[in-house]
C-alpha atoms as a PDB file:
ATOM      1  CA  MET A   1    -126.217  79.440 191.172  1.00  0.00           C
ATOM      2  CA  SER A   2    -129.354  77.421 190.383  1.00  0.00           C
ATOM      3  CA  THR A   3    -129.580  73.954 188.949  1.00  0.00           C
ATOM      4  CA  THR A   4    -132.516  72.777 186.877  1.00  0.00           C
ATOM      5  CA  THR A   5    -133.630  69.153 186.783  1.00  0.00           C
ATOM      6  CA  GLN A   6    -136.850  68.304 184.967  1.00  0.00           C
ATOM      7  CA  ASN A   7    -139.597  70.453 186.533  1.00  0.00           C
ATOM      8  CA  GLN A   8    -137.481  71.604 189.461  1.00  0.00           C
ATOM      9  CA  ASN A   9    -135.247  74.620 190.002  1.00  0.00           C
ATOM     10  CA  ILE A  10    -133.185  74.517 193.174  1.00  0.00           C
ATOM     11  CA  ILE A  11    -133.213  77.758 195.161  1.00  0.00           C
ATOM     12  CA  GLY A  12    -130.775  76.549 197.829  1.00  0.00           C
ATOM     13  CA  THR A  13    -130.671  74.951 201.218  1.00  0.00           C
ATOM     14  CA  LEU A  14    -133.555  75.450 203.608  1.00  0.00           C
ATOM     15  CA  ALA A  15    -131.123  77.117 206.025  1.00  0.00           C
ATOM     16  CA  SER A  16    -130.059  79.697 203.411  1.00  0.00           C
ATOM     17  CA  PHE A  17    -133.686  80.255 202.324  1.00  0.00           C
ATOM     18  CA  VAL A  18    -134.672  81.010 205.936  1.00  0.00           C
ATOM     19  CA  ARG A  19    -131.715  83.375 206.328  1.00  0.00           C
ATOM     20  CA  ASP A  20    -132.233  85.106 202.943  1.00  0.00           C
ATOM     21  CA  ASN A  21    -135.907  85.753 203.725  1.00  0.00           C
ATOM     22  CA  SER A  22    -135.223  86.990 207.272  1.00  0.00           C
ATOM     23  CA  PHE A  23    -137.553  84.462 208.890  1.00  0.00           C
ATOM     24  CA  THR A  24    -137.357  84.585 212.677  1.00  0.00           C
ATOM     25  CA  GLN A  25    -139.915  81.924 213.653  1.00  0.00           C
ATOM     26  CA  VAL A  26    -141.086  78.607 212.247  1.00  0.00           C
ATOM     27  CA  SER A  27    -144.015  76.357 213.098  1.00  0.00           C
ATOM     28  CA  LYS A  28    -144.109  72.650 213.713  1.00  0.00           C
ATOM     29  CA  ILE A  29    -145.204  70.537 210.733  1.00  0.00           C
ATOM     30  CA  LYS A  30    -148.863  71.302 209.913  1.00  0.00           C
ATOM     31  CA  MET A  31    -151.350  69.627 207.571  1.00  0.00           C
ATOM     32  CA  ASN A  32    -153.892  71.488 205.456  1.00  0.00           C
ATOM     33  CA  GLY A  33    -157.469  70.267 205.024  1.00  0.00           C
ATOM     34  CA  ASN A  34    -156.394  67.896 202.244  1.00  0.00           C
ATOM     35  CA  GLY A  35    -153.584  66.375 204.300  1.00  0.00           C
ATOM     36  CA  TYR A  36    -150.698  68.179 202.588  1.00  0.00           C
ATOM     37  CA  PRO A  37    -147.858  69.015 205.005  1.00  0.00           C
ATOM     38  CA  PHE A  38    -146.430  72.522 205.303  1.00  0.00           C
ATOM     39  CA  VAL A  39    -144.598  74.814 207.691  1.00  0.00           C
ATOM     40  CA  SER A  40    -145.274  78.472 208.409  1.00  0.00           C
ATOM     41  CA  PHE A  41    -142.481  81.007 208.668  1.00  0.00           C
ATOM     42  CA  LEU A  42    -142.754  84.459 210.236  1.00  0.00           C
ATOM     43  CA  THR A  43    -140.545  87.502 209.726  1.00  0.00           C
ATOM     44  CA  ALA A  44    -139.772  90.099 212.388  1.00  0.00           C
ATOM     45  CA  SER A  45    -142.148  92.476 210.567  1.00  0.00           C
ATOM     46  CA  GLY A  46    -145.027  90.016 210.959  1.00  0.00           C
ATOM     47  CA  GLU A  47    -145.171  88.632 207.403  1.00  0.00           C
ATOM     48  CA  TRP A  48    -146.179  84.963 207.088  1.00  0.00           C
ATOM     49  CA  SER A  49    -145.014  82.485 204.457  1.00  0.00           C
ATOM     50  CA  HIS A  50    -146.505  79.008 204.277  1.00  0.00           C
ATOM     51  CA  ILE A  51    -144.242  76.588 202.418  1.00  0.00           C
ATOM     52  CA  TYR A  52    -145.415  73.111 201.473  1.00  0.00           C
ATOM     53  CA  LEU A  53    -143.278  70.013 201.562  1.00  0.00           C
ATOM     54  CA  SER A  54    -142.753  67.989 198.416  1.00  0.00           C
ATOM     55  CA  LYS A  55    -144.918  64.910 198.055  1.00  0.00           C
ATOM     56  CA  ARG A  56    -141.956  62.614 198.639  1.00  0.00           C
ATOM     57  CA  LEU A  57    -140.757  64.462 201.749  1.00  0.00           C
ATOM     58  CA  GLY A  58    -144.335  64.787 203.009  1.00  0.00           C
ATOM     59  CA  GLU A  59    -144.626  61.015 203.124  1.00  0.00           C
ATOM     60  CA  THR A  60    -141.868  60.902 205.764  1.00  0.00           C
ATOM     61  CA  VAL A  61    -143.279  63.422 208.270  1.00  0.00           C
ATOM     62  CA  SER A  62    -146.346  63.767 210.450  1.00  0.00           C
ATOM     63  CA  GLU A  63    -148.317  66.666 211.849  1.00  0.00           C
ATOM     64  CA  GLY A  64    -146.833  68.206 214.963  1.00  0.00           C
ATOM     65  CA  GLN A  65    -143.241  67.162 214.317  1.00  0.00           C
ATOM     66  CA  GLU A  66    -140.575  69.691 215.184  1.00  0.00           C
ATOM     67  CA  PRO A  67    -139.090  71.537 212.192  1.00  0.00           C
ATOM     68  CA  LYS A  68    -135.673  70.033 212.961  1.00  0.00           C
ATOM     69  CA  VAL A  69    -136.823  67.002 210.905  1.00  0.00           C
ATOM     70  CA  LEU A  70    -136.252  69.280 207.896  1.00  0.00           C
ATOM     71  CA  LYS A  71    -132.556  69.746 208.624  1.00  0.00           C
ATOM     72  CA  GLY A  72    -130.512  69.312 205.459  1.00  0.00           C
ATOM     73  CA  CYS A  73    -133.482  69.898 203.149  1.00  0.00           C
ATOM     74  CA  ILE A  74    -133.438  72.058 200.051  1.00  0.00           C
ATOM     75  CA  VAL A  75    -135.930  74.558 198.668  1.00  0.00           C
ATOM     76  CA  SER A  76    -136.965  74.308 195.018  1.00  0.00           C
ATOM     77  CA  ARG A  77    -139.256  75.993 192.547  1.00  0.00           C
ATOM     78  CA  CYS A  78    -141.442  73.234 191.113  1.00  0.00           C
ATOM     79  CA  LEU A  79    -144.178  73.054 188.504  1.00  0.00           C
ATOM     80  CA  ASN A  80    -147.410  71.389 189.511  1.00  0.00           C
ATOM     81  CA  ALA A  81    -149.632  69.412 187.120  1.00  0.00           C
ATOM     82  CA  ALA A  82    -151.226  72.670 185.924  1.00  0.00           C
ATOM     83  CA  LYS A  83    -147.718  74.060 185.163  1.00  0.00           C
ATOM     84  CA  GLU A  84    -148.032  76.600 188.002  1.00  0.00           C
ATOM     85  CA  GLU A  85    -144.816  77.437 189.831  1.00  0.00           C
ATOM     86  CA  ARG A  86    -144.686  76.557 193.524  1.00  0.00           C
ATOM     87  CA  ILE A  87    -141.932  76.747 196.125  1.00  0.00           C
ATOM     88  CA  LYS A  88    -141.466  73.472 197.994  1.00  0.00           C
ATOM     89  CA  ILE A  89    -139.233  72.089 200.711  1.00  0.00           C
ATOM     90  CA  CYS A  90    -137.629  68.922 199.355  1.00  0.00           C
ATOM     91  CA  SER A  91    -135.380  66.157 200.544  1.00  0.00           C
ATOM     92  CA  PRO A  92    -131.810  66.571 199.239  1.00  0.00           C
ATOM     93  CA  ALA A  93    -132.153  63.121 197.640  1.00  0.00           C
ATOM     94  CA  GLU A  94    -134.973  64.392 195.394  1.00  0.00           C
ATOM     95  CA  ASN A  95    -132.602  66.339 193.183  1.00  0.00           C
ATOM     96  CA  GLY A  96    -130.107  63.512 192.771  1.00  0.00           C
ATOM     97  CA  MET A  97    -127.376  65.538 194.457  1.00  0.00           C
ATOM     98  CA  LEU A  98    -125.081  64.264 197.155  1.00  0.00           C
ATOM     99  CA  GLU A  99    -123.319  66.322 199.780  1.00  0.00           C
ATOM    100  CA  VAL A 100    -119.619  66.655 198.987  1.00  0.00           C
ATOM    101  CA  SER A 101    -117.379  65.133 201.600  1.00  0.00           C
ATOM    102  CA  ALA A 102    -113.631  65.485 202.077  1.00  0.00           C
ATOM    103  CA  ASP A 103    -112.948  61.880 201.054  1.00  0.00           C
ATOM    104  CA  MET A 104    -115.296  61.782 198.063  1.00  0.00           C
ATOM    105  CA  PHE A 105    -112.702  62.485 195.344  1.00  0.00           C
END
């Protein structure tokens, strides 16, 4: 099930996205030439996917950090300023959702 909020469509957790796409390796946090952070994923068949972090999440990381800093993150389809769809890794707080706990209700 997907949830839409403004210009964002949640795909799922980063953990489920990695599993669903059969990624077997992940890089440390990298920065492109413009300073935008991303991580690279590799499948067993040698296919690369480079996924950028949302602007908000990107402000909290630095180049060379281990990917474990992304634990608990979500993956969303987002529209950029030109209305082009992009897949981004986002902080769970960016979608206004909270993790359900046993004592919440």
